[in-house]
Amino acid sequence: MACILMSIQCCLGVPPITLISVFSQLPLLQNLQISGVPSTAIPSIMACLPNLIALDTNYEQHGNYHLPSTPLPHLQRLRIQARSVDASESGDLWNWLCSLIPHEASLQSFSLTSKFAIPLSFVTRLIRRHGQSLTQFHVFARVTPEVLVYLGRNCLALTSLVCSVASADMVRQVLSIPNVITKRLLANDRKSYRTRQEPSYSPVHLVDRNWCHG
């Protein structure tokens, strides 16, 4: 039986070259959950998996690996945990994320957990490439009003949005975004960011205004 889903909880200490050798024997793998791998080695692992459509991994910035010459698969679902990133690495995070999804209009679901605000420059790059296909944008991180406005204007396929907001005014901005059927905002405790603890989230369920008519 072909292996189409694999979950490896921790690969700390395992040389990336060993992992690449293992995954090269699994070309039919479609769904990969893996942690503890240097982030710069993830593209080389992906290049071994032409049928990969879903990736769930952590951002572990250590090591130095070149981008593979083999084309990367067309990811449809990408989920990243980036809790351990410090301020000096945040710029590398956004470039690395974009390198994993180079193909236009392939990504359908994007999920990110980060203690840093999502920069508009990253969202612009993401939506320009995947705005026609992206239906889920779930970020357990802070977003700015500019990001919400850009999503509303340029990500017309969006049907599900999860984000962290700092004020009720931003909630009203999200309510004005068209085409969002399922909206769940996560209001964060801003003090937790100042103490560098895990943010506490309170779910707020918003109903599509169109449901109120008819």
N, C-alpha and C. Protein backbone atom coordinates (compact mmCIF):
# COMPACT_ATOMS: atom_id res chain seq x y z
N MET A 1 0.84 -1.20 0.00
CA MET A 1 0.00 0.00 0.00
C MET A 1 0.88 1.25 0.00
N ALA A 2 0.57 2.21 -0.84
CA ALA A 2 1.36 3.42 -0.94
C ALA A 2 1.12 4.31 0.28
N CYS A 3 2.19 4.93 0.75
CA CYS A 3 2.10 5.85 1.88
C CYS A 3 1.73 7.23 1.37
N ILE A 4 0.57 7.75 1.80
CA ILE A 4 0.16 9.07 1.33
C ILE A 4 0.14 10.09 2.47
N LEU A 5 0.27 9.63 3.74
CA LEU A 5 0.28 10.55 4.88
C LEU A 5 1.35 10.09 5.85
N MET A 6 2.17 11.03 6.35
CA MET A 6 3.20 10.70 7.32
C MET A 6 3.28 11.82 8.35
N SER A 7 3.38 11.42 9.62
CA SER A 7 3.54 12.36 10.72
C SER A 7 4.77 11.99 11.52
N ILE A 8 5.73 12.89 11.59
CA ILE A 8 6.95 12.69 12.38
C ILE A 8 7.03 13.84 13.36
N GLN A 9 6.89 13.55 14.64
CA GLN A 9 6.74 14.60 15.64
C GLN A 9 8.04 15.33 15.95
N CYS A 10 9.17 14.66 15.89
CA CYS A 10 10.42 15.35 16.22
C CYS A 10 11.60 14.70 15.50
N CYS A 11 12.32 15.52 14.73
CA CYS A 11 13.48 15.03 14.00
C CYS A 11 14.77 15.69 14.48
N LEU A 12 14.76 16.23 15.69
CA LEU A 12 15.93 16.89 16.21
C LEU A 12 17.11 15.91 16.25
N GLY A 13 18.23 16.34 15.70
CA GLY A 13 19.42 15.50 15.68
C GLY A 13 19.54 14.60 14.48
N VAL A 14 18.46 14.48 13.70
CA VAL A 14 18.52 13.65 12.49
C VAL A 14 19.09 14.49 11.35
N PRO A 15 20.19 14.08 10.74
CA PRO A 15 20.77 14.87 9.64
C PRO A 15 19.76 15.02 8.50
N PRO A 16 19.60 16.23 7.97
CA PRO A 16 18.68 16.43 6.86
C PRO A 16 18.97 15.52 5.67
N ILE A 17 20.23 15.21 5.42
CA ILE A 17 20.55 14.35 4.28
C ILE A 17 19.93 12.96 4.46
N THR A 18 19.82 12.52 5.73
CA THR A 18 19.17 11.23 6.01
C THR A 18 17.68 11.31 5.71
N LEU A 19 17.06 12.41 6.14
CA LEU A 19 15.64 12.59 5.87
C LEU A 19 15.36 12.67 4.38
N ILE A 20 16.19 13.40 3.66
CA ILE A 20 16.02 13.52 2.21
C ILE A 20 16.11 12.16 1.55
N SER A 21 17.05 11.33 2.02
CA SER A 21 17.19 9.98 1.47
C SER A 21 15.95 9.15 1.72
N VAL A 22 15.37 9.28 2.93
CA VAL A 22 14.15 8.52 3.26
C VAL A 22 12.97 8.99 2.41
N PHE A 23 12.78 10.30 2.33
CA PHE A 23 11.62 10.82 1.60
C PHE A 23 11.74 10.60 0.10
N SER A 24 12.94 10.45 -0.40
CA SER A 24 13.09 10.18 -1.83
C SER A 24 12.51 8.82 -2.21
N GLN A 25 12.28 7.97 -1.21
CA GLN A 25 11.68 6.66 -1.45
C GLN A 25 10.15 6.69 -1.33
N LEU A 26 9.60 7.89 -1.09
CA LEU A 26 8.15 8.02 -0.87
C LEU A 26 7.53 9.03 -1.82
N PRO A 27 7.67 8.84 -3.11
CA PRO A 27 7.21 9.86 -4.05
C PRO A 27 5.70 10.06 -4.09
N LEU A 28 4.93 9.12 -3.54
CA LEU A 28 3.48 9.24 -3.56
C LEU A 28 2.93 9.94 -2.33
N LEU A 29 3.80 10.33 -1.40
CA LEU A 29 3.35 10.99 -0.18
C LEU A 29 2.62 12.30 -0.51
N GLN A 30 1.45 12.47 0.09
CA GLN A 30 0.64 13.66 -0.18
C GLN A 30 0.52 14.60 1.01
N ASN A 31 0.62 14.06 2.21
CA ASN A 31 0.40 14.86 3.42
C ASN A 31 1.54 14.60 4.39
N LEU A 32 2.29 15.66 4.75
CA LEU A 32 3.44 15.51 5.62
C LEU A 32 3.34 16.44 6.82
N GLN A 33 3.46 15.85 8.02
CA GLN A 33 3.56 16.60 9.26
C GLN A 33 4.92 16.28 9.87
N ILE A 34 5.75 17.30 10.04
CA ILE A 34 7.12 17.06 10.50
C ILE A 34 7.62 18.24 11.31
N SER A 35 8.42 17.96 12.33
CA SER A 35 8.97 19.04 13.15
C SER A 35 10.42 18.71 13.51
N GLY A 36 11.16 19.75 13.91
CA GLY A 36 12.54 19.56 14.32
C GLY A 36 13.53 19.53 13.18
N VAL A 37 13.09 19.90 11.99
CA VAL A 37 13.97 19.91 10.82
C VAL A 37 14.41 21.34 10.53
N PRO A 38 15.68 21.58 10.21
CA PRO A 38 16.08 22.94 9.82
C PRO A 38 15.21 23.44 8.68
N SER A 39 14.67 24.64 8.83
CA SER A 39 13.73 25.15 7.85
C SER A 39 14.34 25.24 6.45
N THR A 40 15.64 25.54 6.40
CA THR A 40 16.28 25.66 5.09
C THR A 40 16.36 24.33 4.37
N ALA A 41 16.14 23.20 5.09
CA ALA A 41 16.16 21.89 4.45
C ALA A 41 14.79 21.45 3.95
N ILE A 42 13.74 22.15 4.40
CA ILE A 42 12.38 21.76 4.01
C ILE A 42 12.17 21.77 2.49
N PRO A 43 12.62 22.79 1.75
CA PRO A 43 12.43 22.74 0.29
C PRO A 43 13.07 21.51 -0.36
N SER A 44 14.23 21.08 0.13
CA SER A 44 14.88 19.90 -0.43
C SER A 44 14.08 18.64 -0.15
N ILE A 45 13.44 18.58 1.02
CA ILE A 45 12.57 17.45 1.33
C ILE A 45 11.34 17.50 0.43
N MET A 46 10.77 18.67 0.25
CA MET A 46 9.59 18.81 -0.61
C MET A 46 9.89 18.40 -2.04
N ALA A 47 11.09 18.69 -2.51
CA ALA A 47 11.45 18.37 -3.89
C ALA A 47 11.45 16.87 -4.14
N CYS A 48 11.56 16.08 -3.08
CA CYS A 48 11.50 14.61 -3.21
C CYS A 48 10.07 14.10 -3.30
N LEU A 49 9.11 14.98 -3.09
CA LEU A 49 7.71 14.57 -2.95
C LEU A 49 6.83 15.30 -3.97
N PRO A 50 6.85 14.86 -5.22
CA PRO A 50 6.12 15.58 -6.27
C PRO A 50 4.61 15.60 -6.09
N ASN A 51 4.07 14.68 -5.29
CA ASN A 51 2.63 14.61 -5.08
C ASN A 51 2.18 15.27 -3.78
N LEU A 52 3.10 15.91 -3.07
CA LEU A 52 2.76 16.54 -1.80
C LEU A 52 1.77 17.69 -2.00
N ILE A 53 0.68 17.68 -1.24
CA ILE A 53 -0.30 18.76 -1.33
C ILE A 53 -0.53 19.44 0.02
N ALA A 54 -0.07 18.82 1.13
CA ALA A 54 -0.29 19.39 2.45
C ALA A 54 0.98 19.26 3.28
N LEU A 55 1.41 20.38 3.86
CA LEU A 55 2.62 20.40 4.70
C LEU A 55 2.32 21.10 6.01
N ASP A 56 2.70 20.45 7.10
CA ASP A 56 2.54 21.00 8.45
C ASP A 56 3.89 20.88 9.14
N THR A 57 4.54 22.01 9.43
CA THR A 57 5.88 21.96 10.00
C THR A 57 6.15 23.18 10.87
N ASN A 58 7.28 23.15 11.57
CA ASN A 58 7.72 24.26 12.39
C ASN A 58 8.80 25.04 11.64
N TYR A 59 8.94 26.30 12.01
CA TYR A 59 10.03 27.11 11.48
C TYR A 59 11.20 27.00 12.43
N GLU A 60 12.25 26.30 12.00
CA GLU A 60 13.46 26.09 12.80
C GLU A 60 14.62 26.65 12.01
N GLN A 61 14.99 27.88 12.28
CA GLN A 61 16.00 28.55 11.46
C GLN A 61 17.40 28.21 11.95
N HIS A 62 17.95 27.12 11.40
CA HIS A 62 19.36 26.80 11.62
C HIS A 62 19.81 25.91 10.47
N GLY A 63 21.07 25.99 10.15
CA GLY A 63 21.57 25.26 8.99
C GLY A 63 21.54 26.14 7.76
N ASN A 64 22.19 25.67 6.72
CA ASN A 64 22.29 26.44 5.47
C ASN A 64 22.21 25.49 4.29
N TYR A 65 21.10 25.53 3.56
CA TYR A 65 20.88 24.63 2.42
C TYR A 65 20.40 25.45 1.23
N HIS A 66 20.89 25.07 0.05
CA HIS A 66 20.49 25.77 -1.16
C HIS A 66 19.12 25.27 -1.62
N LEU A 67 18.39 26.13 -2.30
CA LEU A 67 17.13 25.71 -2.88
C LEU A 67 17.38 24.63 -3.92
N PRO A 68 16.57 23.60 -3.95
CA PRO A 68 16.79 22.51 -4.91
C PRO A 68 16.50 22.96 -6.33
N SER A 69 17.17 22.31 -7.28
CA SER A 69 16.91 22.60 -8.70
C SER A 69 15.64 21.92 -9.18
N THR A 70 15.22 20.84 -8.49
CA THR A 70 13.99 20.14 -8.84
C THR A 70 12.79 21.00 -8.44
N PRO A 71 11.79 21.14 -9.32
CA PRO A 71 10.61 21.95 -8.98
C PRO A 71 9.92 21.44 -7.72
N LEU A 72 9.40 22.35 -6.93
CA LEU A 72 8.66 21.97 -5.74
C LEU A 72 7.24 21.58 -6.11
N PRO A 73 6.59 20.75 -5.27
CA PRO A 73 5.21 20.35 -5.56
C PRO A 73 4.25 21.53 -5.40
N HIS A 74 3.05 21.34 -5.94
CA HIS A 74 2.00 22.37 -5.86
C HIS A 74 1.23 22.20 -4.55
N LEU A 75 1.71 22.85 -3.50
CA LEU A 75 1.02 22.74 -2.21
C LEU A 75 -0.37 23.37 -2.27
N GLN A 76 -1.32 22.68 -1.63
CA GLN A 76 -2.66 23.22 -1.49
C GLN A 76 -2.93 23.70 -0.06
N ARG A 77 -2.27 23.06 0.92
CA ARG A 77 -2.47 23.42 2.33
C ARG A 77 -1.10 23.56 3.01
N LEU A 78 -0.90 24.69 3.66
CA LEU A 78 0.36 24.96 4.35
C LEU A 78 0.07 25.45 5.76
N ARG A 79 0.66 24.76 6.73
CA ARG A 79 0.47 25.14 8.14
C ARG A 79 1.84 25.23 8.80
N ILE A 80 2.15 26.39 9.39
CA ILE A 80 3.47 26.64 9.95
C ILE A 80 3.35 27.13 11.39
N GLN A 81 4.17 26.57 12.26
CA GLN A 81 4.31 27.04 13.63
C GLN A 81 5.65 27.79 13.71
N ALA A 82 5.60 29.06 14.10
CA ALA A 82 6.83 29.86 14.16
C ALA A 82 6.93 30.59 15.49
N ARG A 83 6.71 29.88 16.58
CA ARG A 83 6.70 30.51 17.90
C ARG A 83 8.09 30.90 18.38
N SER A 84 9.12 30.19 17.92
CA SER A 84 10.46 30.40 18.47
C SER A 84 11.27 31.45 17.71
N VAL A 85 10.67 32.08 16.72
CA VAL A 85 11.40 33.05 15.90
C VAL A 85 11.65 34.32 16.70
N ASP A 86 12.89 34.85 16.64
CA ASP A 86 13.14 36.14 17.28
C ASP A 86 13.11 37.24 16.23
N ALA A 87 13.22 38.47 16.70
CA ALA A 87 13.05 39.63 15.81
C ALA A 87 14.04 39.63 14.66
N SER A 88 15.27 39.19 14.90
CA SER A 88 16.29 39.23 13.85
C SER A 88 16.02 38.22 12.75
N GLU A 89 15.17 37.21 13.02
CA GLU A 89 14.89 36.16 12.03
C GLU A 89 13.57 36.36 11.33
N SER A 90 12.76 37.33 11.75
CA SER A 90 11.40 37.45 11.22
C SER A 90 11.39 37.72 9.73
N GLY A 91 12.36 38.49 9.23
CA GLY A 91 12.42 38.75 7.79
C GLY A 91 12.68 37.49 6.99
N ASP A 92 13.53 36.61 7.51
CA ASP A 92 13.82 35.34 6.84
C ASP A 92 12.58 34.46 6.80
N LEU A 93 11.76 34.54 7.84
CA LEU A 93 10.54 33.73 7.89
C LEU A 93 9.64 34.00 6.70
N TRP A 94 9.39 35.27 6.40
CA TRP A 94 8.46 35.60 5.32
C TRP A 94 9.01 35.18 3.96
N ASN A 95 10.31 35.35 3.74
CA ASN A 95 10.92 34.92 2.48
C ASN A 95 10.86 33.39 2.35
N TRP A 96 11.11 32.70 3.46
CA TRP A 96 11.08 31.24 3.45
C TRP A 96 9.68 30.73 3.13
N LEU A 97 8.67 31.32 3.73
CA LEU A 97 7.29 30.91 3.45
C LEU A 97 6.97 31.04 1.96
N CYS A 98 7.36 32.15 1.37
CA CYS A 98 7.07 32.35 -0.06
C CYS A 98 7.82 31.34 -0.93
N SER A 99 9.00 30.92 -0.48
CA SER A 99 9.77 29.96 -1.28
C SER A 99 9.12 28.59 -1.34
N LEU A 100 8.24 28.28 -0.37
CA LEU A 100 7.58 26.97 -0.33
C LEU A 100 6.39 26.88 -1.28
N ILE A 101 5.90 28.02 -1.73
CA ILE A 101 4.67 28.03 -2.55
C ILE A 101 4.90 28.88 -3.80
N PRO A 102 5.81 28.44 -4.69
CA PRO A 102 6.16 29.26 -5.85
C PRO A 102 5.15 29.21 -6.99
N HIS A 103 4.28 28.20 -6.99
CA HIS A 103 3.37 28.02 -8.12
C HIS A 103 2.12 28.88 -7.95
N GLU A 104 1.71 29.55 -8.99
CA GLU A 104 0.56 30.44 -8.91
C GLU A 104 -0.74 29.66 -8.77
N ALA A 105 -1.62 30.22 -7.94
CA ALA A 105 -2.99 29.73 -7.79
C ALA A 105 -3.05 28.25 -7.43
N SER A 106 -2.16 27.80 -6.52
CA SER A 106 -2.23 26.42 -6.04
C SER A 106 -2.68 26.35 -4.60
N LEU A 107 -2.28 27.31 -3.78
CA LEU A 107 -2.55 27.25 -2.34
C LEU A 107 -4.01 27.58 -2.04
N GLN A 108 -4.63 26.69 -1.25
CA GLN A 108 -6.02 26.88 -0.87
C GLN A 108 -6.19 27.25 0.61
N SER A 109 -5.26 26.79 1.45
CA SER A 109 -5.37 27.03 2.88
C SER A 109 -4.00 27.41 3.44
N PHE A 110 -3.95 28.53 4.16
CA PHE A 110 -2.71 29.00 4.78
C PHE A 110 -2.95 29.22 6.26
N SER A 111 -2.09 28.61 7.11
CA SER A 111 -2.22 28.74 8.55
C SER A 111 -0.85 29.02 9.14
N LEU A 112 -0.78 30.03 10.03
CA LEU A 112 0.49 30.42 10.63
C LEU A 112 0.27 30.83 12.08
N THR A 113 1.14 30.33 12.96
CA THR A 113 1.18 30.76 14.35
C THR A 113 2.50 31.48 14.58
N SER A 114 2.42 32.75 14.98
CA SER A 114 3.63 33.55 15.15
C SER A 114 3.38 34.63 16.19
N LYS A 115 4.43 35.03 16.91
CA LYS A 115 4.29 36.11 17.87
C LYS A 115 4.49 37.47 17.24
N PHE A 116 4.83 37.49 15.94
CA PHE A 116 5.04 38.75 15.24
C PHE A 116 3.84 39.08 14.37
N ALA A 117 3.61 40.36 14.19
CA ALA A 117 2.54 40.80 13.31
C ALA A 117 2.84 40.39 11.87
N ILE A 118 1.79 40.06 11.13
CA ILE A 118 1.96 39.68 9.73
C ILE A 118 2.17 40.94 8.90
N PRO A 119 3.32 41.08 8.24
CA PRO A 119 3.57 42.31 7.48
C PRO A 119 2.77 42.35 6.19
N LEU A 120 2.38 43.54 5.81
CA LEU A 120 1.62 43.72 4.57
C LEU A 120 2.43 43.25 3.36
N SER A 121 3.74 43.43 3.39
CA SER A 121 4.58 43.03 2.26
C SER A 121 4.47 41.53 2.00
N PHE A 122 4.40 40.73 3.06
CA PHE A 122 4.24 39.28 2.88
C PHE A 122 2.87 38.95 2.33
N VAL A 123 1.84 39.54 2.91
CA VAL A 123 0.47 39.26 2.45
C VAL A 123 0.31 39.65 0.99
N THR A 124 0.93 40.76 0.59
CA THR A 124 0.87 41.19 -0.81
C THR A 124 1.47 40.14 -1.73
N ARG A 125 2.64 39.62 -1.36
CA ARG A 125 3.28 38.57 -2.17
C ARG A 125 2.43 37.31 -2.22
N LEU A 126 1.87 36.94 -1.07
CA LEU A 126 1.05 35.73 -1.00
C LEU A 126 -0.19 35.84 -1.87
N ILE A 127 -0.89 36.95 -1.77
CA ILE A 127 -2.17 37.09 -2.46
C ILE A 127 -1.96 37.33 -3.96
N ARG A 128 -0.91 38.02 -4.33
CA ARG A 128 -0.64 38.18 -5.75
C ARG A 128 -0.44 36.84 -6.45
N ARG A 129 0.12 35.89 -5.70
CA ARG A 129 0.39 34.58 -6.29
C ARG A 129 -0.77 33.62 -6.11
N HIS A 130 -1.50 33.74 -5.01
CA HIS A 130 -2.51 32.73 -4.68
C HIS A 130 -3.89 33.32 -4.37
N GLY A 131 -4.10 34.58 -4.69
CA GLY A 131 -5.38 35.20 -4.38
C GLY A 131 -6.56 34.57 -5.07
N GLN A 132 -6.33 33.93 -6.21
CA GLN A 132 -7.44 33.31 -6.94
C GLN A 132 -7.83 31.95 -6.37
N SER A 133 -6.94 31.34 -5.59
CA SER A 133 -7.21 29.99 -5.08
C SER A 133 -7.39 29.94 -3.56
N LEU A 134 -6.85 30.92 -2.84
CA LEU A 134 -6.84 30.86 -1.38
C LEU A 134 -8.24 31.07 -0.80
N THR A 135 -8.73 30.05 -0.09
CA THR A 135 -10.05 30.12 0.53
C THR A 135 -9.98 30.24 2.04
N GLN A 136 -8.87 29.83 2.65
CA GLN A 136 -8.72 29.89 4.10
C GLN A 136 -7.43 30.63 4.46
N PHE A 137 -7.56 31.66 5.30
CA PHE A 137 -6.41 32.42 5.78
C PHE A 137 -6.52 32.45 7.30
N HIS A 138 -5.78 31.56 7.95
CA HIS A 138 -5.86 31.39 9.40
C HIS A 138 -4.51 31.75 10.01
N VAL A 139 -4.41 32.92 10.62
CA VAL A 139 -3.15 33.34 11.22
C VAL A 139 -3.37 33.64 12.70
N PHE A 140 -2.72 32.85 13.55
CA PHE A 140 -2.77 33.07 14.98
C PHE A 140 -1.63 34.03 15.32
N ALA A 141 -1.81 35.24 14.84
CA ALA A 141 -0.83 36.30 14.97
C ALA A 141 -1.55 37.61 14.72
N ARG A 142 -0.90 38.71 15.08
CA ARG A 142 -1.51 40.01 14.90
C ARG A 142 -1.53 40.43 13.43
N VAL A 143 -2.59 41.09 13.04
CA VAL A 143 -2.66 41.66 11.69
C VAL A 143 -3.00 43.14 11.82
N THR A 144 -2.59 43.90 10.83
CA THR A 144 -2.84 45.34 10.83
C THR A 144 -4.10 45.64 10.01
N PRO A 145 -4.68 46.81 10.19
CA PRO A 145 -5.84 47.18 9.36
C PRO A 145 -5.51 47.14 7.87
N GLU A 146 -4.28 47.49 7.51
CA GLU A 146 -3.90 47.48 6.09
C GLU A 146 -3.95 46.07 5.51
N VAL A 147 -3.56 45.09 6.31
CA VAL A 147 -3.62 43.69 5.85
C VAL A 147 -5.06 43.27 5.61
N LEU A 148 -5.95 43.64 6.54
CA LEU A 148 -7.36 43.26 6.38
C LEU A 148 -7.97 43.90 5.14
N VAL A 149 -7.66 45.16 4.92
CA VAL A 149 -8.18 45.85 3.74
C VAL A 149 -7.67 45.19 2.46
N TYR A 150 -6.39 44.84 2.45
CA TYR A 150 -5.81 44.21 1.26
C TYR A 150 -6.47 42.86 1.00
N LEU A 151 -6.68 42.08 2.05
CA LEU A 151 -7.35 40.79 1.89
C LEU A 151 -8.75 40.98 1.30
N GLY A 152 -9.47 41.95 1.83
CA GLY A 152 -10.84 42.17 1.37
C GLY A 152 -10.92 42.57 -0.08
N ARG A 153 -9.94 43.31 -0.54
CA ARG A 153 -9.97 43.81 -1.91
C ARG A 153 -9.40 42.84 -2.93
N ASN A 154 -8.49 41.96 -2.49
CA ASN A 154 -7.72 41.19 -3.47
C ASN A 154 -7.81 39.68 -3.32
N CYS A 155 -8.38 39.19 -2.23
CA CYS A 155 -8.51 37.74 -2.05
C CYS A 155 -9.98 37.37 -2.15
N LEU A 156 -10.48 37.37 -3.37
CA LEU A 156 -11.92 37.22 -3.59
C LEU A 156 -12.42 35.80 -3.38
N ALA A 157 -11.52 34.82 -3.35
CA ALA A 157 -11.93 33.44 -3.12
C ALA A 157 -12.06 33.12 -1.64
N LEU A 158 -11.67 34.05 -0.76
CA LEU A 158 -11.62 33.79 0.68
C LEU A 158 -13.00 33.49 1.25
N THR A 159 -13.09 32.37 1.97
CA THR A 159 -14.35 32.00 2.63
C THR A 159 -14.19 31.83 4.13
N SER A 160 -12.95 31.72 4.62
CA SER A 160 -12.73 31.52 6.04
C SER A 160 -11.52 32.32 6.49
N LEU A 161 -11.72 33.13 7.53
CA LEU A 161 -10.66 34.01 8.01
C LEU A 161 -10.52 33.89 9.52
N VAL A 162 -9.32 33.63 10.00
CA VAL A 162 -8.99 33.65 11.41
C VAL A 162 -7.80 34.56 11.58
N CYS A 163 -7.92 35.54 12.47
CA CYS A 163 -6.80 36.45 12.69
C CYS A 163 -6.87 36.99 14.10
N SER A 164 -5.82 37.65 14.51
CA SER A 164 -5.74 38.24 15.83
C SER A 164 -5.79 39.75 15.69
N VAL A 165 -6.74 40.37 16.38
CA VAL A 165 -6.93 41.81 16.25
C VAL A 165 -6.77 42.48 17.60
N ALA A 166 -6.49 43.78 17.56
CA ALA A 166 -6.20 44.51 18.78
C ALA A 166 -7.34 45.42 19.24
N SER A 167 -8.37 45.58 18.41
CA SER A 167 -9.43 46.51 18.79
C SER A 167 -10.73 46.16 18.09
N ALA A 168 -11.82 46.71 18.63
CA ALA A 168 -13.14 46.50 18.02
C ALA A 168 -13.23 47.15 16.65
N ASP A 169 -12.48 48.23 16.44
CA ASP A 169 -12.50 48.88 15.13
C ASP A 169 -12.05 47.93 14.05
N MET A 170 -11.06 47.09 14.35
CA MET A 170 -10.59 46.13 13.37
C MET A 170 -11.63 45.05 13.11
N VAL A 171 -12.42 44.72 14.14
CA VAL A 171 -13.52 43.77 13.94
C VAL A 171 -14.50 44.32 12.91
N ARG A 172 -14.82 45.59 13.02
CA ARG A 172 -15.74 46.21 12.07
C ARG A 172 -15.14 46.22 10.66
N GLN A 173 -13.83 46.36 10.56
CA GLN A 173 -13.20 46.33 9.25
C GLN A 173 -13.35 44.96 8.60
N VAL A 174 -13.18 43.91 9.40
CA VAL A 174 -13.33 42.57 8.85
C VAL A 174 -14.75 42.33 8.39
N LEU A 175 -15.72 42.88 9.12
CA LEU A 175 -17.12 42.71 8.73
C LEU A 175 -17.41 43.31 7.36
N SER A 176 -16.59 44.25 6.92
CA SER A 176 -16.81 44.89 5.63
C SER A 176 -16.16 44.14 4.48
N ILE A 177 -15.39 43.07 4.79
CA ILE A 177 -14.72 42.32 3.73
C ILE A 177 -15.75 41.46 3.01
N PRO A 178 -15.83 41.54 1.68
CA PRO A 178 -16.80 40.73 0.94
C PRO A 178 -16.36 39.27 0.85
N ASN A 179 -17.32 38.40 0.60
CA ASN A 179 -17.08 36.99 0.28
C ASN A 179 -16.60 36.14 1.44
N VAL A 180 -16.47 36.70 2.62
CA VAL A 180 -16.04 35.90 3.76
C VAL A 180 -17.27 35.31 4.43
N ILE A 181 -17.46 34.00 4.29
CA ILE A 181 -18.65 33.34 4.80
C ILE A 181 -18.48 32.99 6.27
N THR A 182 -17.36 32.38 6.61
CA THR A 182 -17.08 32.00 7.98
C THR A 182 -16.02 32.92 8.53
N LYS A 183 -16.36 33.70 9.57
CA LYS A 183 -15.40 34.64 10.12
C LYS A 183 -15.24 34.37 11.61
N ARG A 184 -14.04 34.14 12.04
CA ARG A 184 -13.76 33.95 13.46
C ARG A 184 -12.54 34.78 13.81
N LEU A 185 -12.75 35.78 14.61
CA LEU A 185 -11.64 36.64 15.02
C LEU A 185 -11.13 36.21 16.37
N LEU A 186 -9.85 36.33 16.53
CA LEU A 186 -9.24 36.02 17.80
C LEU A 186 -8.69 37.31 18.40
N ALA A 187 -9.34 37.78 19.47
CA ALA A 187 -8.90 39.01 20.11
C ALA A 187 -7.78 38.66 21.08
N ASN A 188 -6.63 39.29 20.92
CA ASN A 188 -5.50 38.87 21.74
C ASN A 188 -5.29 39.77 22.94
N ASP A 189 -4.62 39.19 23.91
CA ASP A 189 -4.22 39.92 25.10
C ASP A 189 -2.86 40.55 24.80
N ARG A 190 -2.83 41.84 24.54
CA ARG A 190 -1.60 42.49 24.10
C ARG A 190 -0.52 42.45 25.17
N LYS A 191 -0.90 42.36 26.43
CA LYS A 191 0.10 42.29 27.50
C LYS A 191 0.94 41.04 27.38
N SER A 192 0.36 39.94 26.92
CA SER A 192 1.11 38.70 26.82
C SER A 192 2.25 38.82 25.83
N TYR A 193 2.09 39.66 24.81
CA TYR A 193 3.18 39.86 23.86
C TYR A 193 4.33 40.63 24.52
N ARG A 194 3.99 41.58 25.35
CA ARG A 194 5.03 42.37 26.00
C ARG A 194 5.87 41.51 26.94
N THR A 195 5.26 40.47 27.54
CA THR A 195 5.99 39.61 28.45
C THR A 195 6.57 38.39 27.74
N ARG A 196 6.41 38.35 26.40
CA ARG A 196 6.92 37.25 25.58
C ARG A 196 6.37 35.89 26.00
N GLN A 197 5.13 35.90 26.51
CA GLN A 197 4.46 34.66 26.81
C GLN A 197 3.54 34.31 25.64
N GLU A 198 3.03 33.11 25.67
CA GLU A 198 2.11 32.68 24.63
C GLU A 198 0.86 33.55 24.67
N PRO A 199 0.42 34.14 23.56
CA PRO A 199 -0.77 34.98 23.57
C PRO A 199 -2.01 34.20 24.00
N SER A 200 -2.89 34.86 24.70
CA SER A 200 -4.17 34.24 25.04
C SER A 200 -5.21 34.73 24.05
N TYR A 201 -6.02 33.82 23.55
CA TYR A 201 -6.98 34.16 22.51
C TYR A 201 -8.41 33.91 22.99
N SER A 202 -9.29 34.82 22.63
CA SER A 202 -10.71 34.65 22.93
C SER A 202 -11.47 34.64 21.62
N PRO A 203 -12.11 33.54 21.28
CA PRO A 203 -12.80 33.47 19.99
C PRO A 203 -14.02 34.36 19.94
N VAL A 204 -14.18 35.04 18.83
CA VAL A 204 -15.36 35.87 18.58
C VAL A 204 -15.97 35.38 17.27
N HIS A 205 -17.22 34.96 17.30
CA HIS A 205 -17.86 34.41 16.11
C HIS A 205 -18.66 35.52 15.42
N LEU A 206 -18.37 35.73 14.16
CA LEU A 206 -19.07 36.74 13.38
C LEU A 206 -19.90 36.07 12.30
N VAL A 207 -21.07 36.59 12.08
CA VAL A 207 -21.98 36.01 11.09
C VAL A 207 -21.96 36.86 9.82
N ASP A 208 -21.92 36.19 8.67
CA ASP A 208 -21.98 36.89 7.40
C ASP A 208 -23.24 37.75 7.36
N ARG A 209 -23.06 39.01 7.07
CA ARG A 209 -24.20 39.93 7.06
C ARG A 209 -25.25 39.53 6.03
N ASN A 210 -24.83 38.84 4.95
CA ASN A 210 -25.80 38.45 3.92
C ASN A 210 -26.80 37.42 4.46
N TRP A 211 -26.40 36.68 5.51
CA TRP A 211 -27.32 35.71 6.05
C TRP A 211 -28.51 36.38 6.75
N CYS A 212 -28.35 37.64 7.09
CA CYS A 212 -29.42 38.35 7.80
C CYS A 212 -30.52 38.82 6.84
N HIS A 213 -30.27 38.68 5.57
CA HIS A 213 -31.23 39.15 4.58
C HIS A 213 -31.77 37.96 3.81
N GLY A 214 -33.01 37.77 3.83
CA GLY A 214 -33.60 36.66 3.09
C GLY A 214 -33.69 35.45 3.96
